[in-house]
Amino acid sequence: MDEETLLSLLESTGLRVAYHHYGVDEDNPPPEPPYLIYLFSHSSNFGADNKVYSKNPNYQVELYTIKKDPTTEKLIEDLFDEHDIYWEKTETYIESEGLYQVLYEI
């Protein structure tokens, strides 16, 4: 999946979406959760004879919420499932930010 397609899918959730981070300064406060961040993680290319035959980028999609939000998680997971996107999920609480982070590796 290319980045443009991924962005389009994530935007279809109705959540705010940014690549890597939101630019935050005095004039741009951080967005109110829930919101999504996505970024390139690594590639899993297939190759032979010193050539890449199939480029396979892998991305991280991060959901940030103030409280545990199973409904929003299901929205994202259903979106991935509907588009045959394999995903793995981890979760953490970022105490310094007061936010839950659900990380999807796709």
Foldseek 3Di string as FASTA:
>chain_A
DDPVVVVVLQVVLVAAEDEPADDDDPVRHHDADFHKYKYWDAWDFDDDPPDTPGTGIKMKIKTKHLDDDVVSVVSVVVSCVVVVHDWDWDWDQDVVVSIIIIIIID
